[in-house]
Amino acid sequence: TSWGPYVISIHGLAASTDDRTYWQFLSA
């Protein structure tokens, strides 16, 4: 993307705008 790489899938599980799901990254 224009903001850099965006993770759309991990371990075969893909984010979906229809389901309003995404991979969130956290620290502590």
PDB file of all heavy atoms in Angstrom:
ATOM      1  N   THR A   1       0.857  -1.178   0.000  1.00  0.00           N
ATOM      2  CA  THR A   1       0.000   0.000   0.000  1.00  0.00           C
ATOM      3  C   THR A   1       0.900   1.236   0.000  1.00  0.00           C
ATOM      4  O   THR A   1       2.123   1.132   0.133  1.00  0.00           O
ATOM      5  CB  THR A   1      -0.914   0.039   1.242  1.00  0.00           C
ATOM      6  OG1 THR A   1      -0.112   0.389   2.397  1.00  0.00           O
ATOM      7  CG2 THR A   1      -1.597  -1.300   1.481  1.00  0.00           C
ATOM      8  N   SER A   2       0.289   2.396  -0.132  1.00  0.00           N
ATOM      9  CA  SER A   2       1.076   3.637  -0.099  1.00  0.00           C
ATOM     10  C   SER A   2       1.677   3.880   1.281  1.00  0.00           C
ATOM     11  O   SER A   2       2.567   4.710   1.437  1.00  0.00           O
ATOM     12  CB  SER A   2       0.201   4.827  -0.510  1.00  0.00           C
ATOM     13  OG  SER A   2      -0.939   4.910   0.317  1.00  0.00           O
ATOM     14  N   TRP A   3       1.186   3.150   2.280  1.00  0.00           N
ATOM     15  CA  TRP A   3       1.727   3.250   3.633  1.00  0.00           C
ATOM     16  C   TRP A   3       2.707   2.130   3.929  1.00  0.00           C
ATOM     17  O   TRP A   3       3.119   1.954   5.071  1.00  0.00           O
ATOM     18  CB  TRP A   3       0.593   3.213   4.652  1.00  0.00           C
ATOM     19  CG  TRP A   3      -0.277   4.421   4.615  1.00  0.00           C
ATOM     20  CD1 TRP A   3      -1.488   4.544   3.998  1.00  0.00           C
ATOM     21  CD2 TRP A   3      -0.006   5.697   5.190  1.00  0.00           C
ATOM     22  NE1 TRP A   3      -1.981   5.806   4.170  1.00  0.00           N
ATOM     23  CE2 TRP A   3      -1.096   6.541   4.901  1.00  0.00           C
ATOM     24  CE3 TRP A   3       1.061   6.207   5.941  1.00  0.00           C
ATOM     25  CZ2 TRP A   3      -1.149   7.862   5.319  1.00  0.00           C
ATOM     26  CZ3 TRP A   3       0.997   7.527   6.361  1.00  0.00           C
ATOM     27  CH2 TRP A   3      -0.090   8.333   6.055  1.00  0.00           C
ATOM     28  N   GLY A   4       3.068   1.337   2.925  1.00  0.00           N
ATOM     29  CA  GLY A   4       3.972   0.223   3.138  1.00  0.00           C
ATOM     30  C   GLY A   4       3.224  -1.099   3.129  1.00  0.00           C
ATOM     31  O   GLY A   4       2.023  -1.144   2.857  1.00  0.00           O
ATOM     32  N   PRO A   5       3.920  -2.205   3.430  1.00  0.00           N
ATOM     33  CA  PRO A   5       3.276  -3.523   3.400  1.00  0.00           C
ATOM     34  C   PRO A   5       2.201  -3.660   4.465  1.00  0.00           C
ATOM     35  O   PRO A   5       2.370  -3.217   5.601  1.00  0.00           O
ATOM     36  CB  PRO A   5       4.433  -4.498   3.657  1.00  0.00           C
ATOM     37  CG  PRO A   5       5.480  -3.675   4.335  1.00  0.00           C
ATOM     38  CD  PRO A   5       5.340  -2.283   3.818  1.00  0.00           C
ATOM     39  N   TYR A   6       1.077  -4.259   4.074  1.00  0.00           N
ATOM     40  CA  TYR A   6      -0.057  -4.479   4.973  1.00  0.00           C
ATOM     41  C   TYR A   6      -0.316  -5.976   5.042  1.00  0.00           C
ATOM     42  O   TYR A   6      -0.490  -6.638   4.008  1.00  0.00           O
ATOM     43  CB  TYR A   6      -1.285  -3.740   4.449  1.00  0.00           C
ATOM     44  CG  TYR A   6      -2.525  -3.917   5.292  1.00  0.00           C
ATOM     45  CD1 TYR A   6      -2.655  -3.275   6.512  1.00  0.00           C
ATOM     46  CD2 TYR A   6      -3.572  -4.731   4.860  1.00  0.00           C
ATOM     47  CE1 TYR A   6      -3.792  -3.425   7.292  1.00  0.00           C
ATOM     48  CE2 TYR A   6      -4.723  -4.894   5.630  1.00  0.00           C
ATOM     49  CZ  TYR A   6      -4.822  -4.235   6.843  1.00  0.00           C
ATOM     50  OH  TYR A   6      -5.941  -4.402   7.608  1.00  0.00           O
ATOM     51  N   VAL A   7      -0.331  -6.532   6.249  1.00  0.00           N
ATOM     52  CA  VAL A   7      -0.516  -7.974   6.433  1.00  0.00           C
ATOM     53  C   VAL A   7      -1.983  -8.321   6.228  1.00  0.00           C
ATOM     54  O   VAL A   7      -2.856  -7.814   6.935  1.00  0.00           O
ATOM     55  CB  VAL A   7      -0.050  -8.418   7.835  1.00  0.00           C
ATOM     56  CG1 VAL A   7      -0.333  -9.901   8.041  1.00  0.00           C
ATOM     57  CG2 VAL A   7       1.435  -8.126   8.014  1.00  0.00           C
ATOM     58  N   ILE A   8      -2.245  -9.196   5.253  1.00  0.00           N
ATOM     59  CA  ILE A   8      -3.630  -9.569   4.973  1.00  0.00           C
ATOM     60  C   ILE A   8      -3.952 -10.996   5.417  1.00  0.00           C
ATOM     61  O   ILE A   8      -5.123 -11.352   5.535  1.00  0.00           O
ATOM     62  CB  ILE A   8      -3.947  -9.415   3.463  1.00  0.00           C
ATOM     63  CG1 ILE A   8      -2.983 -10.249   2.618  1.00  0.00           C
ATOM     64  CG2 ILE A   8      -3.901  -7.952   3.056  1.00  0.00           C
ATOM     65  CD1 ILE A   8      -3.335 -10.270   1.133  1.00  0.00           C
ATOM     66  N   SER A   9      -2.912 -11.799   5.665  1.00  0.00           N
ATOM     67  CA  SER A   9      -3.162 -13.189   6.044  1.00  0.00           C
ATOM     68  C   SER A   9      -1.997 -13.738   6.849  1.00  0.00           C
ATOM     69  O   SER A   9      -0.833 -13.472   6.530  1.00  0.00           O
ATOM     70  CB  SER A   9      -3.372 -14.040   4.784  1.00  0.00           C
ATOM     71  OG  SER A   9      -3.467 -15.406   5.114  1.00  0.00           O
ATOM     72  N   ILE A  10      -2.312 -14.492   7.914  1.00  0.00           N
ATOM     73  CA  ILE A  10      -1.317 -15.219   8.704  1.00  0.00           C
ATOM     74  C   ILE A  10      -1.868 -16.603   8.980  1.00  0.00           C
ATOM     75  O   ILE A  10      -3.041 -16.752   9.312  1.00  0.00           O
ATOM     76  CB  ILE A  10      -1.007 -14.507  10.043  1.00  0.00           C
ATOM     77  CG1 ILE A  10      -0.455 -13.095   9.812  1.00  0.00           C
ATOM     78  CG2 ILE A  10      -0.010 -15.324  10.867  1.00  0.00           C
ATOM     79  CD1 ILE A  10      -0.210 -12.314  11.098  1.00  0.00           C
ATOM     80  N   HIS A  11      -1.028 -17.608   8.826  1.00  0.00           N
ATOM     81  CA  HIS A  11      -1.420 -19.002   9.090  1.00  0.00           C
ATOM     82  C   HIS A  11      -2.660 -19.385   8.269  1.00  0.00           C
ATOM     83  O   HIS A  11      -3.515 -20.153   8.711  1.00  0.00           O
ATOM     84  CB  HIS A  11      -1.676 -19.202  10.590  1.00  0.00           C
ATOM     85  CG  HIS A  11      -1.796 -20.641  11.005  1.00  0.00           C
ATOM     86  ND1 HIS A  11      -0.738 -21.515  10.995  1.00  0.00           N
ATOM     87  CD2 HIS A  11      -2.873 -21.367  11.447  1.00  0.00           C
ATOM     88  CE1 HIS A  11      -1.146 -22.705  11.412  1.00  0.00           C
ATOM     89  NE2 HIS A  11      -2.431 -22.643  11.692  1.00  0.00           N
ATOM     90  N   GLY A  12      -2.750 -18.808   7.064  1.00  0.00           N
ATOM     91  CA  GLY A  12      -3.865 -19.130   6.176  1.00  0.00           C
ATOM     92  C   GLY A  12      -5.167 -18.438   6.501  1.00  0.00           C
ATOM     93  O   GLY A  12      -6.172 -18.641   5.812  1.00  0.00           O
ATOM     94  N   LEU A  13      -5.181 -17.620   7.552  1.00  0.00           N
ATOM     95  CA  LEU A  13      -6.403 -16.918   7.947  1.00  0.00           C
ATOM     96  C   LEU A  13      -6.337 -15.481   7.433  1.00  0.00           C
ATOM     97  O   LEU A  13      -5.505 -14.687   7.872  1.00  0.00           O
ATOM     98  CB  LEU A  13      -6.565 -16.932   9.467  1.00  0.00           C
ATOM     99  CG  LEU A  13      -7.824 -16.270  10.031  1.00  0.00           C
ATOM    100  CD1 LEU A  13      -9.094 -16.902   9.462  1.00  0.00           C
ATOM    101  CD2 LEU A  13      -7.815 -16.345  11.556  1.00  0.00           C
ATOM    102  N   ALA A  14      -7.220 -15.160   6.483  1.00  0.00           N
ATOM    103  CA  ALA A  14      -7.176 -13.861   5.817  1.00  0.00           C
ATOM    104  C   ALA A  14      -8.143 -12.866   6.430  1.00  0.00           C
ATOM    105  O   ALA A  14      -9.253 -13.227   6.832  1.00  0.00           O
ATOM    106  CB  ALA A  14      -7.479 -14.028   4.328  1.00  0.00           C
ATOM    107  N   ALA A  15      -7.709 -11.614   6.483  1.00  0.00           N
ATOM    108  CA  ALA A  15      -8.579 -10.529   6.916  1.00  0.00           C
ATOM    109  C   ALA A  15      -9.643 -10.294   5.854  1.00  0.00           C
ATOM    110  O   ALA A  15      -9.449 -10.618   4.682  1.00  0.00           O
ATOM    111  CB  ALA A  15      -7.756  -9.267   7.133  1.00  0.00           C
ATOM    112  N   SER A  16     -10.774  -9.747   6.271  1.00  0.00           N
ATOM    113  CA  SER A  16     -11.882  -9.535   5.342  1.00  0.00           C
ATOM    114  C   SER A  16     -12.626  -8.245   5.693  1.00  0.00           C
ATOM    115  O   SER A  16     -13.031  -8.054   6.835  1.00  0.00           O
ATOM    116  CB  SER A  16     -12.853 -10.721   5.405  1.00  0.00           C
ATOM    117  OG  SER A  16     -14.073 -10.425   4.774  1.00  0.00           O
ATOM    118  N   THR A  17     -12.795  -7.388   4.683  1.00  0.00           N
ATOM    119  CA  THR A  17     -13.581  -6.175   4.909  1.00  0.00           C
ATOM    120  C   THR A  17     -15.054  -6.519   5.108  1.00  0.00           C
ATOM    121  O   THR A  17     -15.766  -5.828   5.841  1.00  0.00           O
ATOM    122  CB  THR A  17     -13.435  -5.196   3.733  1.00  0.00           C
ATOM    123  OG1 THR A  17     -13.740  -5.881   2.513  1.00  0.00           O
ATOM    124  CG2 THR A  17     -12.014  -4.661   3.653  1.00  0.00           C
ATOM    125  N   ASP A  18     -15.514  -7.599   4.476  1.00  0.00           N
ATOM    126  CA  ASP A  18     -16.912  -8.018   4.648  1.00  0.00           C
ATOM    127  C   ASP A  18     -17.191  -8.418   6.091  1.00  0.00           C
ATOM    128  O   ASP A  18     -18.245  -8.104   6.653  1.00  0.00           O
ATOM    129  CB  ASP A  18     -17.250  -9.183   3.713  1.00  0.00           C
ATOM    130  CG  ASP A  18     -17.240  -8.787   2.253  1.00  0.00           C
ATOM    131  OD1 ASP A  18     -17.397  -7.572   1.972  1.00  0.00           O
ATOM    132  OD2 ASP A  18     -17.055  -9.669   1.394  1.00  0.00           O
ATOM    133  N   ASP A  19     -16.236  -9.154   6.692  1.00  0.00           N
ATOM    134  CA  ASP A  19     -16.389  -9.583   8.083  1.00  0.00           C
ATOM    135  C   ASP A  19     -15.835  -8.558   9.068  1.00  0.00           C
ATOM    136  O   ASP A  19     -15.898  -8.770  10.283  1.00  0.00           O
ATOM    137  CB  ASP A  19     -15.669 -10.917   8.309  1.00  0.00           C
ATOM    138  CG  ASP A  19     -16.279 -12.048   7.512  1.00  0.00           C
ATOM    139  OD1 ASP A  19     -17.476 -11.950   7.179  1.00  0.00           O
ATOM    140  OD2 ASP A  19     -15.549 -13.013   7.209  1.00  0.00           O
ATOM    141  N   ARG A  20     -15.242  -7.474   8.541  1.00  0.00           N
ATOM    142  CA  ARG A  20     -14.620  -6.435   9.369  1.00  0.00           C
ATOM    143  C   ARG A  20     -13.542  -7.020  10.273  1.00  0.00           C
ATOM    144  O   ARG A  20     -13.447  -6.691  11.474  1.00  0.00           O
ATOM    145  CB  ARG A  20     -15.687  -5.706  10.206  1.00  0.00           C
ATOM    146  CG  ARG A  20     -16.734  -4.987   9.357  1.00  0.00           C
ATOM    147  CD  ARG A  20     -17.909  -4.518  10.179  1.00  0.00           C
ATOM    148  NE  ARG A  20     -17.539  -3.525  11.170  1.00  0.00           N
ATOM    149  CZ  ARG A  20     -17.489  -2.210  10.938  1.00  0.00           C
ATOM    150  NH1 ARG A  20     -17.791  -1.743   9.749  1.00  0.00           N
ATOM    151  NH2 ARG A  20     -17.149  -1.361  11.886  1.00  0.00           N
ATOM    152  N   THR A  21     -12.698  -7.874   9.690  1.00  0.00           N
ATOM    153  CA  THR A  21     -11.620  -8.491  10.443  1.00  0.00           C
ATOM    154  C   THR A  21     -10.269  -8.028   9.910  1.00  0.00           C
ATOM    155  O   THR A  21     -10.142  -7.669   8.736  1.00  0.00           O
ATOM    156  CB  THR A  21     -11.685 -10.025  10.362  1.00  0.00           C
ATOM    157  OG1 THR A  21     -11.726 -10.432   8.984  1.00  0.00           O
ATOM    158  CG2 THR A  21     -12.907 -10.559  11.077  1.00  0.00           C
ATOM    159  N   TYR A  22      -9.275  -8.039  10.785  1.00  0.00           N
ATOM    160  CA  TYR A  22      -7.919  -7.656  10.407  1.00  0.00           C
ATOM    161  C   TYR A  22      -6.931  -8.240  11.417  1.00  0.00           C
ATOM    162  O   TYR A  22      -7.317  -8.686  12.497  1.00  0.00           O
ATOM    163  CB  TYR A  22      -7.778  -6.128  10.364  1.00  0.00           C
ATOM    164  CG  TYR A  22      -7.804  -5.453  11.722  1.00  0.00           C
ATOM    165  CD1 TYR A  22      -6.648  -4.916  12.279  1.00  0.00           C
ATOM    166  CD2 TYR A  22      -8.988  -5.358  12.467  1.00  0.00           C
ATOM    167  CE1 TYR A  22      -6.661  -4.297  13.523  1.00  0.00           C
ATOM    168  CE2 TYR A  22      -9.012  -4.740  13.700  1.00  0.00           C
ATOM    169  CZ  TYR A  22      -7.846  -4.207  14.220  1.00  0.00           C
ATOM    170  OH  TYR A  22      -7.858  -3.606  15.463  1.00  0.00           O
ATOM    171  N   TRP A  23      -5.653  -8.245  11.047  1.00  0.00           N
ATOM    172  CA  TRP A  23      -4.607  -8.693  11.947  1.00  0.00           C
ATOM    173  C   TRP A  23      -4.047  -7.483  12.681  1.00  0.00           C
ATOM    174  O   TRP A  23      -3.488  -6.575  12.067  1.00  0.00           O
ATOM    175  CB  TRP A  23      -3.499  -9.422  11.179  1.00  0.00           C
ATOM    176  CG  TRP A  23      -3.874 -10.837  10.862  1.00  0.00           C
ATOM    177  CD1 TRP A  23      -4.355 -11.335   9.692  1.00  0.00           C
ATOM    178  CD2 TRP A  23      -3.800 -11.935  11.774  1.00  0.00           C
ATOM    179  NE1 TRP A  23      -4.597 -12.685   9.807  1.00  0.00           N
ATOM    180  CE2 TRP A  23      -4.262 -13.089  11.075  1.00  0.00           C
ATOM    181  CE3 TRP A  23      -3.401 -12.082  13.103  1.00  0.00           C
ATOM    182  CZ2 TRP A  23      -4.319 -14.353  11.673  1.00  0.00           C
ATOM    183  CZ3 TRP A  23      -3.462 -13.334  13.700  1.00  0.00           C
ATOM    184  CH2 TRP A  23      -3.924 -14.446  12.977  1.00  0.00           C
ATOM    185  N   GLN A  24      -4.235  -7.472  14.004  1.00  0.00           N
ATOM    186  CA  GLN A  24      -3.745  -6.375  14.829  1.00  0.00           C
ATOM    187  C   GLN A  24      -2.435  -6.771  15.494  1.00  0.00           C
ATOM    188  O   GLN A  24      -2.309  -7.887  16.021  1.00  0.00           O
ATOM    189  CB  GLN A  24      -4.778  -6.019  15.903  1.00  0.00           C
ATOM    190  CG  GLN A  24      -4.371  -4.836  16.765  1.00  0.00           C
ATOM    191  CD  GLN A  24      -5.411  -4.491  17.816  1.00  0.00           C
ATOM    192  OE1 GLN A  24      -6.057  -5.374  18.364  1.00  0.00           O
ATOM    193  NE2 GLN A  24      -5.566  -3.209  18.109  1.00  0.00           N
ATOM    194  N   PHE A  25      -1.469  -5.869  15.488  1.00  0.00           N
ATOM    195  CA  PHE A  25      -0.162  -6.149  16.086  1.00  0.00           C
ATOM    196  C   PHE A  25      -0.012  -5.358  17.375  1.00  0.00           C
ATOM    197  O   PHE A  25      -0.267  -4.154  17.422  1.00  0.00           O
ATOM    198  CB  PHE A  25       0.957  -5.809  15.097  1.00  0.00           C
ATOM    199  CG  PHE A  25       1.006  -6.752  13.937  1.00  0.00           C
ATOM    200  CD1 PHE A  25       0.224  -6.537  12.816  1.00  0.00           C
ATOM    201  CD2 PHE A  25       1.820  -7.886  13.979  1.00  0.00           C
ATOM    202  CE1 PHE A  25       0.245  -7.424  11.746  1.00  0.00           C
ATOM    203  CE2 PHE A  25       1.842  -8.774  12.916  1.00  0.00           C
ATOM    204  CZ  PHE A  25       1.062  -8.543  11.807  1.00  0.00           C
ATOM    205  N   LEU A  26       0.400  -6.073  18.433  1.00  0.00           N
ATOM    206  CA  LEU A  26       0.485  -5.487  19.770  1.00  0.00           C
ATOM    207  C   LEU A  26       1.844  -5.754  20.390  1.00  0.00           C
ATOM    208  O   LEU A  26       2.501  -6.751  20.083  1.00  0.00           O
ATOM    209  CB  LEU A  26      -0.592  -6.082  20.683  1.00  0.00           C
ATOM    210  CG  LEU A  26      -2.023  -6.091  20.166  1.00  0.00           C
ATOM    211  CD1 LEU A  26      -2.749  -7.330  20.617  1.00  0.00           C
ATOM    212  CD2 LEU A  26      -2.753  -4.872  20.676  1.00  0.00           C
ATOM    213  N   SER A  27       2.226  -4.856  21.286  1.00  0.00           N
ATOM    214  CA  SER A  27       3.411  -5.061  22.120  1.00  0.00           C
ATOM    215  C   SER A  27       3.018  -4.686  23.537  1.00  0.00           C
ATOM    216  O   SER A  27       2.529  -3.570  23.764  1.00  0.00           O
ATOM    217  CB  SER A  27       4.570  -4.185  21.646  1.00  0.00           C
ATOM    218  OG  SER A  27       5.676  -4.311  22.537  1.00  0.00           O
ATOM    219  N   ALA A  28       3.186  -5.607  24.455  1.00  0.00           N
ATOM    220  CA  ALA A  28       2.777  -5.395  25.859  1.00  0.00           C
ATOM    221  C   ALA A  28       1.317  -4.985  25.948  1.00  0.00           C
ATOM    222  O   ALA A  28       0.934  -4.154  26.773  1.00  0.00           O
ATOM    223  CB  ALA A  28       3.672  -4.350  26.524  1.00  0.00           C
TER     224      ALA A  28
END
